[in-house]
PDB file of N, CA and C in Angstrom:
ATOM      1  N   MET A   1      18.138 -25.825 -28.205  1.00  0.00           N
ATOM      2  CA  MET A   1      17.793 -24.634 -27.455  1.00  0.00           C
ATOM      3  C   MET A   1      16.689 -23.866 -28.156  1.00  0.00           C
ATOM      4  N   GLN A   2      16.797 -23.721 -29.480  1.00  0.00           N
ATOM      5  CA  GLN A   2      15.784 -22.976 -30.212  1.00  0.00           C
ATOM      6  C   GLN A   2      14.449 -23.714 -30.209  1.00  0.00           C
ATOM      7  N   LYS A   3      14.515 -25.074 -30.271  1.00  0.00           N
ATOM      8  CA  LYS A   3      13.272 -25.843 -30.223  1.00  0.00           C
ATOM      9  C   LYS A   3      12.581 -25.658 -28.878  1.00  0.00           C
ATOM     10  N   GLN A   4      13.361 -25.620 -27.813  1.00  0.00           N
ATOM     11  CA  GLN A   4      12.772 -25.444 -26.488  1.00  0.00           C
ATOM     12  C   GLN A   4      12.094 -24.083 -26.388  1.00  0.00           C
ATOM     13  N   VAL A   5      12.730 -23.044 -26.917  1.00  0.00           N
ATOM     14  CA  VAL A   5      12.135 -21.707 -26.911  1.00  0.00           C
ATOM     15  C   VAL A   5      10.855 -21.713 -27.730  1.00  0.00           C
ATOM     16  N   ALA A   6      10.881 -22.388 -28.877  1.00  0.00           N
ATOM     17  CA  ALA A   6       9.690 -22.459 -29.721  1.00  0.00           C
ATOM     18  C   ALA A   6       8.566 -23.177 -28.989  1.00  0.00           C
ATOM     19  N   TYR A   7       8.880 -24.260 -28.274  1.00  0.00           N
ATOM     20  CA  TYR A   7       7.851 -24.965 -27.514  1.00  0.00           C
ATOM     21  C   TYR A   7       7.294 -24.090 -26.391  1.00  0.00           C
ATOM     22  N   ASP A   8       8.182 -23.347 -25.713  1.00  0.00           N
ATOM     23  CA  ASP A   8       7.725 -22.464 -24.638  1.00  0.00           C
ATOM     24  C   ASP A   8       6.790 -21.388 -25.169  1.00  0.00           C
ATOM     25  N   VAL A   9       7.147 -20.802 -26.323  1.00  0.00           N
ATOM     26  CA  VAL A   9       6.301 -19.770 -26.921  1.00  0.00           C
ATOM     27  C   VAL A   9       4.969 -20.379 -27.333  1.00  0.00           C
ATOM     28  N   HIS A  10       5.012 -21.566 -27.926  1.00  0.00           N
ATOM     29  CA  HIS A  10       3.788 -22.234 -28.356  1.00  0.00           C
ATOM     30  C   HIS A  10       2.897 -22.541 -27.147  1.00  0.00           C
ATOM     31  N   ASP A  11       3.496 -23.010 -26.067  1.00  0.00           N
ATOM     32  CA  ASP A  11       2.719 -23.296 -24.857  1.00  0.00           C
ATOM     33  C   ASP A  11       2.092 -22.041 -24.285  1.00  0.00           C
ATOM     34  N   SER A  12       2.831 -20.931 -24.308  1.00  0.00           N
ATOM     35  CA  SER A  12       2.278 -19.692 -23.757  1.00  0.00           C
ATOM     36  C   SER A  12       1.142 -19.167 -24.634  1.00  0.00           C
ATOM     37  N   ILE A  13       1.242 -19.374 -25.948  1.00  0.00           N
ATOM     38  CA  ILE A  13       0.148 -18.952 -26.836  1.00  0.00           C
ATOM     39  C   ILE A  13      -1.080 -19.810 -26.583  1.00  0.00           C
ATOM     40  N   ASP A  14      -0.881 -21.137 -26.417  1.00  0.00           N
ATOM     41  CA  ASP A  14      -2.010 -22.017 -26.121  1.00  0.00           C
ATOM     42  C   ASP A  14      -2.669 -21.650 -24.790  1.00  0.00           C
ATOM     43  N   ALA A  15      -1.868 -21.286 -23.809  1.00  0.00           N
ATOM     44  CA  ALA A  15      -2.422 -20.908 -22.514  1.00  0.00           C
ATOM     45  C   ALA A  15      -3.219 -19.612 -22.620  1.00  0.00           C
ATOM     46  N   ALA A  16      -2.769 -18.691 -23.477  1.00  0.00           N
ATOM     47  CA  ALA A  16      -3.485 -17.429 -23.641  1.00  0.00           C
ATOM     48  C   ALA A  16      -4.797 -17.620 -24.386  1.00  0.00           C
ATOM     49  N   ARG A  17      -4.890 -18.659 -25.221  1.00  0.00           N
ATOM     50  CA  ARG A  17      -6.103 -18.906 -25.995  1.00  0.00           C
ATOM     51  C   ARG A  17      -7.206 -19.564 -25.165  1.00  0.00           C
ATOM     52  N   GLN A  18      -6.859 -20.180 -24.075  1.00  0.00           N
ATOM     53  CA  GLN A  18      -7.868 -20.862 -23.270  1.00  0.00           C
ATOM     54  C   GLN A  18      -8.824 -19.841 -22.678  1.00  0.00           C
ATOM     55  N   PRO A  19     -10.107 -20.188 -22.616  1.00  0.00           N
ATOM     56  CA  PRO A  19     -11.069 -19.238 -22.052  1.00  0.00           C
ATOM     57  C   PRO A  19     -10.785 -19.011 -20.566  1.00  0.00           C
ATOM     58  N   PRO A  20     -11.035 -17.811 -20.092  1.00  0.00           N
ATOM     59  CA  PRO A  20     -10.773 -17.538 -18.677  1.00  0.00           C
ATOM     60  C   PRO A  20     -11.695 -18.361 -17.787  1.00  0.00           C
ATOM     61  N   ALA A  21     -11.276 -18.546 -16.581  1.00  0.00           N
ATOM     62  CA  ALA A  21     -12.071 -19.306 -15.615  1.00  0.00           C
ATOM     63  C   ALA A  21     -13.384 -18.577 -15.342  1.00  0.00           C
ATOM     64  N   LYS A  22     -14.331 -19.308 -14.824  1.00  0.00           N
ATOM     65  CA  LYS A  22     -15.634 -18.728 -14.527  1.00  0.00           C
ATOM     66  C   LYS A  22     -15.463 -17.596 -13.504  1.00  0.00           C
ATOM     67  N   PRO A  23     -15.996 -16.411 -13.817  1.00  0.00           N
ATOM     68  CA  PRO A  23     -15.804 -15.280 -12.891  1.00  0.00           C
ATOM     69  C   PRO A  23     -16.517 -15.513 -11.566  1.00  0.00           C
ATOM     70  N   GLU A  24     -15.941 -14.937 -10.530  1.00  0.00           N
ATOM     71  CA  GLU A  24     -16.541 -15.066  -9.210  1.00  0.00           C
ATOM     72  C   GLU A  24     -17.809 -14.230  -9.134  1.00  0.00           C
ATOM     73  N   VAL A  25     -18.775 -14.747  -8.438  1.00  0.00           N
ATOM     74  CA  VAL A  25     -20.029 -14.027  -8.275  1.00  0.00           C
ATOM     75  C   VAL A  25     -19.891 -13.105  -7.067  1.00  0.00           C
ATOM     76  N   VAL A  26     -20.185 -11.835  -7.270  1.00  0.00           N
ATOM     77  CA  VAL A  26     -20.105 -10.864  -6.191  1.00  0.00           C
ATOM     78  C   VAL A  26     -21.488 -10.724  -5.576  1.00  0.00           C
ATOM     79  N   ARG A  27     -21.553 -10.891  -4.276  1.00  0.00           N
ATOM     80  CA  ARG A  27     -22.833 -10.789  -3.583  1.00  0.00           C
ATOM     81  C   ARG A  27     -22.771  -9.654  -2.578  1.00  0.00           C
ATOM     82  N   LEU A  28     -23.859  -8.959  -2.428  1.00  0.00           N
ATOM     83  CA  LEU A  28     -23.945  -7.898  -1.437  1.00  0.00           C
ATOM     84  C   LEU A  28     -24.083  -8.504  -0.049  1.00  0.00           C
ATOM     85  N   ALA A  29     -23.507  -7.838   0.926  1.00  0.00           N
ATOM     86  CA  ALA A  29     -23.583  -8.324   2.301  1.00  0.00           C
ATOM     87  C   ALA A  29     -24.960  -8.022   2.874  1.00  0.00           C
ATOM     88  N   GLY A  30     -25.465  -8.964   3.609  1.00  0.00           N
ATOM     89  CA  GLY A  30     -26.751  -8.778   4.255  1.00  0.00           C
ATOM     90  C   GLY A  30     -26.568  -8.325   5.693  1.00  0.00           C
ATOM     91  N   ALA A  31     -27.650  -8.204   6.394  1.00  0.00           N
ATOM     92  CA  ALA A  31     -27.609  -7.749   7.784  1.00  0.00           C
ATOM     93  C   ALA A  31     -26.942  -8.779   8.683  1.00  0.00           C
ATOM     94  N   SER A  32     -27.006 -10.054   8.306  1.00  0.00           N
ATOM     95  CA  SER A  32     -26.429 -11.102   9.147  1.00  0.00           C
ATOM     96  C   SER A  32     -24.987 -11.436   8.784  1.00  0.00           C
ATOM     97  N   ALA A  33     -24.415 -10.749   7.785  1.00  0.00           N
ATOM     98  CA  ALA A  33     -23.056 -11.042   7.345  1.00  0.00           C
ATOM     99  C   ALA A  33     -22.037 -10.536   8.355  1.00  0.00           C
ATOM    100  N   ALA A  34     -21.008 -11.331   8.560  1.00  0.00           N
ATOM    101  CA  ALA A  34     -19.928 -10.957   9.481  1.00  0.00           C
ATOM    102  C   ALA A  34     -18.787 -10.341   8.674  1.00  0.00           C
ATOM    103  N   PRO A  35     -18.081  -9.343   9.227  1.00  0.00           N
ATOM    104  CA  PRO A  35     -16.957  -8.756   8.494  1.00  0.00           C
ATOM    105  C   PRO A  35     -15.811  -9.758   8.344  1.00  0.00           C
ATOM    106  N   VAL A  36     -15.085  -9.623   7.261  1.00  0.00           N
ATOM    107  CA  VAL A  36     -13.959 -10.512   6.993  1.00  0.00           C
ATOM    108  C   VAL A  36     -12.738  -9.963   7.711  1.00  0.00           C
ATOM    109  N   ASP A  37     -12.075 -10.819   8.463  1.00  0.00           N
ATOM    110  CA  ASP A  37     -10.877 -10.412   9.189  1.00  0.00           C
ATOM    111  C   ASP A  37      -9.707 -11.185   8.602  1.00  0.00           C
ATOM    112  N   SER A  38      -8.957 -10.531   7.715  1.00  0.00           N
ATOM    113  CA  SER A  38      -7.854 -11.200   7.037  1.00  0.00           C
ATOM    114  C   SER A  38      -6.675 -11.370   7.995  1.00  0.00           C
ATOM    115  N   PRO A  39      -5.780 -12.305   7.699  1.00  0.00           N
ATOM    116  CA  PRO A  39      -4.589 -12.473   8.539  1.00  0.00           C
ATOM    117  C   PRO A  39      -3.730 -11.214   8.592  1.00  0.00           C
ATOM    118  N   ALA A  40      -3.658 -10.473   7.489  1.00  0.00           N
ATOM    119  CA  ALA A  40      -2.864  -9.241   7.489  1.00  0.00           C
ATOM    120  C   ALA A  40      -3.469  -8.204   8.422  1.00  0.00           C
ATOM    121  N   ARG A  41      -4.790  -8.088   8.412  1.00  0.00           N
ATOM    122  CA  ARG A  41      -5.467  -7.132   9.292  1.00  0.00           C
ATOM    123  C   ARG A  41      -5.272  -7.526  10.756  1.00  0.00           C
ATOM    124  N   GLN A  42      -5.351  -8.814  11.044  1.00  0.00           N
ATOM    125  CA  GLN A  42      -5.148  -9.283  12.416  1.00  0.00           C
ATOM    126  C   GLN A  42      -3.716  -9.017  12.874  1.00  0.00           C
ATOM    127  N   LEU A  43      -2.741  -9.256  11.993  1.00  0.00           N
ATOM    128  CA  LEU A  43      -1.345  -8.984  12.338  1.00  0.00           C
ATOM    129  C   LEU A  43      -1.138  -7.501  12.591  1.00  0.00           C
ATOM    130  N   GLN A  44      -1.717  -6.670  11.748  1.00  0.00           N
ATOM    131  CA  GLN A  44      -1.604  -5.224  11.933  1.00  0.00           C
ATOM    132  C   GLN A  44      -2.197  -4.807  13.276  1.00  0.00           C
ATOM    133  N   ARG A  45      -3.344  -5.359  13.626  1.00  0.00           N
ATOM    134  CA  ARG A  45      -3.986  -5.027  14.898  1.00  0.00           C
ATOM    135  C   ARG A  45      -3.134  -5.495  16.084  1.00  0.00           C
ATOM    136  N   ASP A  46      -2.561  -6.704  15.976  1.00  0.00           N
ATOM    137  CA  ASP A  46      -1.733  -7.232  17.064  1.00  0.00           C
ATOM    138  C   ASP A  46      -0.459  -6.403  17.256  1.00  0.00           C
ATOM    139  N   VAL A  47       0.179  -6.018  16.140  1.00  0.00           N
ATOM    140  CA  VAL A  47       1.395  -5.210  16.231  1.00  0.00           C
ATOM    141  C   VAL A  47       1.086  -3.844  16.821  1.00  0.00           C
ATOM    142  N   ALA A  48      -0.025  -3.251  16.385  1.00  0.00           N
ATOM    143  CA  ALA A  48      -0.406  -1.942  16.919  1.00  0.00           C
ATOM    144  C   ALA A  48      -0.701  -2.026  18.407  1.00  0.00           C
ATOM    145  N   ALA A  49      -1.370  -3.080  18.835  1.00  0.00           N
ATOM    146  CA  ALA A  49      -1.672  -3.228  20.256  1.00  0.00           C
ATOM    147  C   ALA A  49      -0.403  -3.450  21.068  1.00  0.00           C
ATOM    148  N   ALA A  50       0.509  -4.280  20.550  1.00  0.00           N
ATOM    149  CA  ALA A  50       1.758  -4.541  21.271  1.00  0.00           C
ATOM    150  C   ALA A  50       2.624  -3.296  21.330  1.00  0.00           C
ATOM    151  N   PHE A  51       2.729  -2.574  20.222  1.00  0.00           N
ATOM    152  CA  PHE A  51       3.552  -1.364  20.191  1.00  0.00           C
ATOM    153  C   PHE A  51       2.962  -0.302  21.101  1.00  0.00           C
ATOM    154  N   GLY A  52       1.653  -0.144  21.062  1.00  0.00           N
ATOM    155  CA  GLY A  52       1.004   0.859  21.900  1.00  0.00           C
ATOM    156  C   GLY A  52       1.129   0.543  23.375  1.00  0.00           C
ATOM    157  N   ALA A  53       1.022  -0.735  23.717  1.00  0.00           N
ATOM    158  CA  ALA A  53       1.118  -1.118  25.125  1.00  0.00           C
ATOM    159  C   ALA A  53       2.555  -1.010  25.621  1.00  0.00           C
ATOM    160  N   LYS A  54       3.507  -1.318  24.753  1.00  0.00           N
ATOM    161  CA  LYS A  54       4.902  -1.312  25.164  1.00  0.00           C
ATOM    162  C   LYS A  54       5.431   0.109  25.334  1.00  0.00           C
ATOM    163  N   ARG A  55       5.071   0.997  24.452  1.00  0.00           N
ATOM    164  CA  ARG A  55       5.610   2.343  24.479  1.00  0.00           C
ATOM    165  C   ARG A  55       4.688   3.353  25.139  1.00  0.00           C
ATOM    166  N   GLY A  56       3.456   3.004  25.357  1.00  0.00           N
ATOM    167  CA  GLY A  56       2.530   3.943  25.963  1.00  0.00           C
ATOM    168  C   GLY A  56       2.113   5.055  25.034  1.00  0.00           C
ATOM    169  N   TRP A  57       1.992   4.766  23.741  1.00  0.00           N
ATOM    170  CA  TRP A  57       1.621   5.777  22.764  1.00  0.00           C
ATOM    171  C   TRP A  57       0.166   6.156  22.937  1.00  0.00           C
ATOM    172  N   SER A  58      -0.094   7.426  22.774  1.00  0.00           N
ATOM    173  CA  SER A  58      -1.464   7.914  22.821  1.00  0.00           C
ATOM    174  C   SER A  58      -1.790   8.574  21.481  1.00  0.00           C
ATOM    175  N   VAL A  59      -3.057   8.866  21.296  1.00  0.00           N
ATOM    176  CA  VAL A  59      -3.476   9.537  20.071  1.00  0.00           C
ATOM    177  C   VAL A  59      -2.859  10.929  20.006  1.00  0.00           C
ATOM    178  N   ARG A  60      -2.812  11.610  21.136  1.00  0.00           N
ATOM    179  CA  ARG A  60      -2.250  12.963  21.172  1.00  0.00           C
ATOM    180  C   ARG A  60      -0.789  12.953  20.751  1.00  0.00           C
ATOM    181  N   ARG A  61      -0.012  12.002  21.263  1.00  0.00           N
ATOM    182  CA  ARG A  61       1.403  11.923  20.909  1.00  0.00           C
ATOM    183  C   ARG A  61       1.568  11.633  19.419  1.00  0.00           C
ATOM    184  N   THR A  62       0.743  10.760  18.880  1.00  0.00           N
ATOM    185  CA  THR A  62       0.816  10.432  17.462  1.00  0.00           C
ATOM    186  C   THR A  62       0.498  11.650  16.602  1.00  0.00           C
ATOM    187  N   VAL A  63      -0.525  12.403  16.971  1.00  0.00           N
ATOM    188  CA  VAL A  63      -0.913  13.591  16.212  1.00  0.00           C
ATOM    189  C   VAL A  63       0.191  14.645  16.282  1.00  0.00           C
ATOM    190  N   VAL A  64       0.761  14.847  17.459  1.00  0.00           N
ATOM    191  CA  VAL A  64       1.817  15.856  17.613  1.00  0.00           C
ATOM    192  C   VAL A  64       3.053  15.470  16.800  1.00  0.00           C
ATOM    193  N   LEU A  65       3.446  14.205  16.859  1.00  0.00           N
ATOM    194  CA  LEU A  65       4.608  13.773  16.080  1.00  0.00           C
ATOM    195  C   LEU A  65       4.329  13.846  14.585  1.00  0.00           C
ATOM    196  N   GLY A  66       3.116  13.515  14.164  1.00  0.00           N
ATOM    197  CA  GLY A  66       2.765  13.626  12.753  1.00  0.00           C
ATOM    198  C   GLY A  66       2.793  15.064  12.285  1.00  0.00           C
ATOM    199  N   ALA A  67       2.284  15.968  13.102  1.00  0.00           N
ATOM    200  CA  ALA A  67       2.291  17.389  12.742  1.00  0.00           C
ATOM    201  C   ALA A  67       3.719  17.921  12.675  1.00  0.00           C
ATOM    202  N   ALA A  68       4.559  17.529  13.623  1.00  0.00           N
ATOM    203  CA  ALA A  68       5.953  17.971  13.613  1.00  0.00           C
ATOM    204  C   ALA A  68       6.686  17.429  12.384  1.00  0.00           C
ATOM    205  N   TYR A  69       6.448  16.187  12.049  1.00  0.00           N
ATOM    206  CA  TYR A  69       7.072  15.575  10.880  1.00  0.00           C
ATOM    207  C   TYR A  69       6.670  16.327   9.617  1.00  0.00           C
ATOM    208  N   HIS A  70       5.387  16.563   9.455  1.00  0.00           N
ATOM    209  CA  HIS A  70       4.916  17.266   8.263  1.00  0.00           C
ATOM    210  C   HIS A  70       5.407  18.717   8.241  1.00  0.00           C
ATOM    211  N   GLY A  71       5.532  19.335   9.408  1.00  0.00           N
ATOM    212  CA  GLY A  71       6.069  20.683   9.465  1.00  0.00           C
ATOM    213  C   GLY A  71       7.509  20.738   8.988  1.00  0.00           C
ATOM    214  N   VAL A  72       8.304  19.781   9.381  1.00  0.00           N
ATOM    215  CA  VAL A  72       9.706  19.723   8.945  1.00  0.00           C
ATOM    216  C   VAL A  72       9.781  19.500   7.441  1.00  0.00           C
ATOM    217  N   ILE A  73       8.977  18.591   6.930  1.00  0.00           N
ATOM    218  CA  ILE A  73       8.984  18.315   5.491  1.00  0.00           C
ATOM    219  C   ILE A  73       8.546  19.552   4.709  1.00  0.00           C
ATOM    220  N   LEU A  74       7.483  20.203   5.141  1.00  0.00           N
ATOM    221  CA  LEU A  74       7.009  21.390   4.437  1.00  0.00           C
ATOM    222  C   LEU A  74       8.015  22.532   4.501  1.00  0.00           C
ATOM    223  N   SER A  75       8.668  22.695   5.647  1.00  0.00           N
ATOM    224  CA  SER A  75       9.662  23.765   5.732  1.00  0.00           C
ATOM    225  C   SER A  75      10.856  23.472   4.816  1.00  0.00           C
ATOM    226  N   ALA A  76      11.253  22.218   4.704  1.00  0.00           N
ATOM    227  CA  ALA A  76      12.339  21.862   3.793  1.00  0.00           C
ATOM    228  C   ALA A  76      11.939  22.129   2.346  1.00  0.00           C
ATOM    229  N   LEU A  77      10.693  21.825   2.002  1.00  0.00           N
ATOM    230  CA  LEU A  77      10.227  22.105   0.645  1.00  0.00           C
ATOM    231  C   LEU A  77      10.177  23.603   0.365  1.00  0.00           C
ATOM    232  N   VAL A  78       9.740  24.385   1.341  1.00  0.00           N
ATOM    233  CA  VAL A  78       9.685  25.833   1.173  1.00  0.00           C
ATOM    234  C   VAL A  78      11.095  26.393   1.006  1.00  0.00           C
ATOM    235  N   MET A  79      12.040  25.927   1.823  1.00  0.00           N
ATOM    236  CA  MET A  79      13.415  26.408   1.708  1.00  0.00           C
ATOM    237  C   MET A  79      14.003  26.060   0.335  1.00  0.00           C
ATOM    238  N   ALA A  80      13.711  24.854  -0.157  1.00  0.00           N
ATOM    239  CA  ALA A  80      14.214  24.460  -1.467  1.00  0.00           C
ATOM    240  C   ALA A  80      13.581  25.314  -2.556  1.00  0.00           C
ATOM    241  N   ALA A  81      12.292  25.616  -2.425  1.00  0.00           N
ATOM    242  CA  ALA A  81      11.612  26.444  -3.433  1.00  0.00           C
ATOM    243  C   ALA A  81      12.162  27.861  -3.429  1.00  0.00           C
ATOM    244  N   VAL A  82      12.414  28.424  -2.247  1.00  0.00           N
ATOM    245  CA  VAL A  82      12.960  29.778  -2.159  1.00  0.00           C
ATOM    246  C   VAL A  82      14.340  29.832  -2.786  1.00  0.00           C
ATOM    247  N   GLU A  83      15.157  28.829  -2.524  1.00  0.00           N
ATOM    248  CA  GLU A  83      16.500  28.816  -3.096  1.00  0.00           C
ATOM    249  C   GLU A  83      16.453  28.632  -4.609  1.00  0.00           C
ATOM    250  N   THR A  84      15.540  27.819  -5.081  1.00  0.00           N
ATOM    251  CA  THR A  84      15.404  27.605  -6.525  1.00  0.00           C
ATOM    252  C   THR A  84      14.962  28.880  -7.216  1.00  0.00           C
ATOM    253  N   PHE A  85      13.965  29.557  -6.628  1.00  0.00           N
ATOM    254  CA  PHE A  85      13.502  30.808  -7.233  1.00  0.00           C
ATOM    255  C   PHE A  85      14.571  31.892  -7.146  1.00  0.00           C
ATOM    256  N   GLY A  86      15.387  31.855  -6.126  1.00  0.00           N
ATOM    257  CA  GLY A  86      16.489  32.803  -6.012  1.00  0.00           C
ATOM    258  C   GLY A  86      17.504  32.625  -7.112  1.00  0.00           C
ATOM    259  N   HIS A  87      17.785  31.366  -7.475  1.00  0.00           N
ATOM    260  CA  HIS A  87      18.737  31.108  -8.555  1.00  0.00           C
ATOM    261  C   HIS A  87      18.127  31.460  -9.913  1.00  0.00           C
ATOM    262  N   VAL A  88      16.841  31.217 -10.068  1.00  0.00           N
ATOM    263  CA  VAL A  88      16.193  31.494 -11.351  1.00  0.00           C
ATOM    264  C   VAL A  88      16.069  33.006 -11.555  1.00  0.00           C
ATOM    265  N   ALA A  89      15.667  33.736 -10.522  1.00  0.00           N
ATOM    266  CA  ALA A  89      15.469  35.176 -10.649  1.00  0.00           C
ATOM    267  C   ALA A  89      16.811  35.922 -10.683  1.00  0.00           C
ATOM    268  N   GLY A  90      17.794  35.400 -10.009  1.00  0.00           N
ATOM    269  CA  GLY A  90      19.052  36.123  -9.869  1.00  0.00           C
ATOM    270  C   GLY A  90      20.022  35.825 -10.882  1.00  0.00           C
TER     271      GLY A  90
END
């Protein structure tokens, strides 16, 4: 068991000593370059389109719900701060 651990440590040290792979060359996009559409971005777009079409969500509804959500969170934080200061001062 100890020999196996010693071999594993030795292998990891040898792997760390190897020079890193050749770095990727970064190139600036030209006028003819097409944007990259990753699978995650496509999935996000498809889910958003399906959810929006199924529920009939609009930008206005999203903004109103976001504002209401943040209002509830902020009011809870204010209430907690008032109660905390009440205990500290009192």
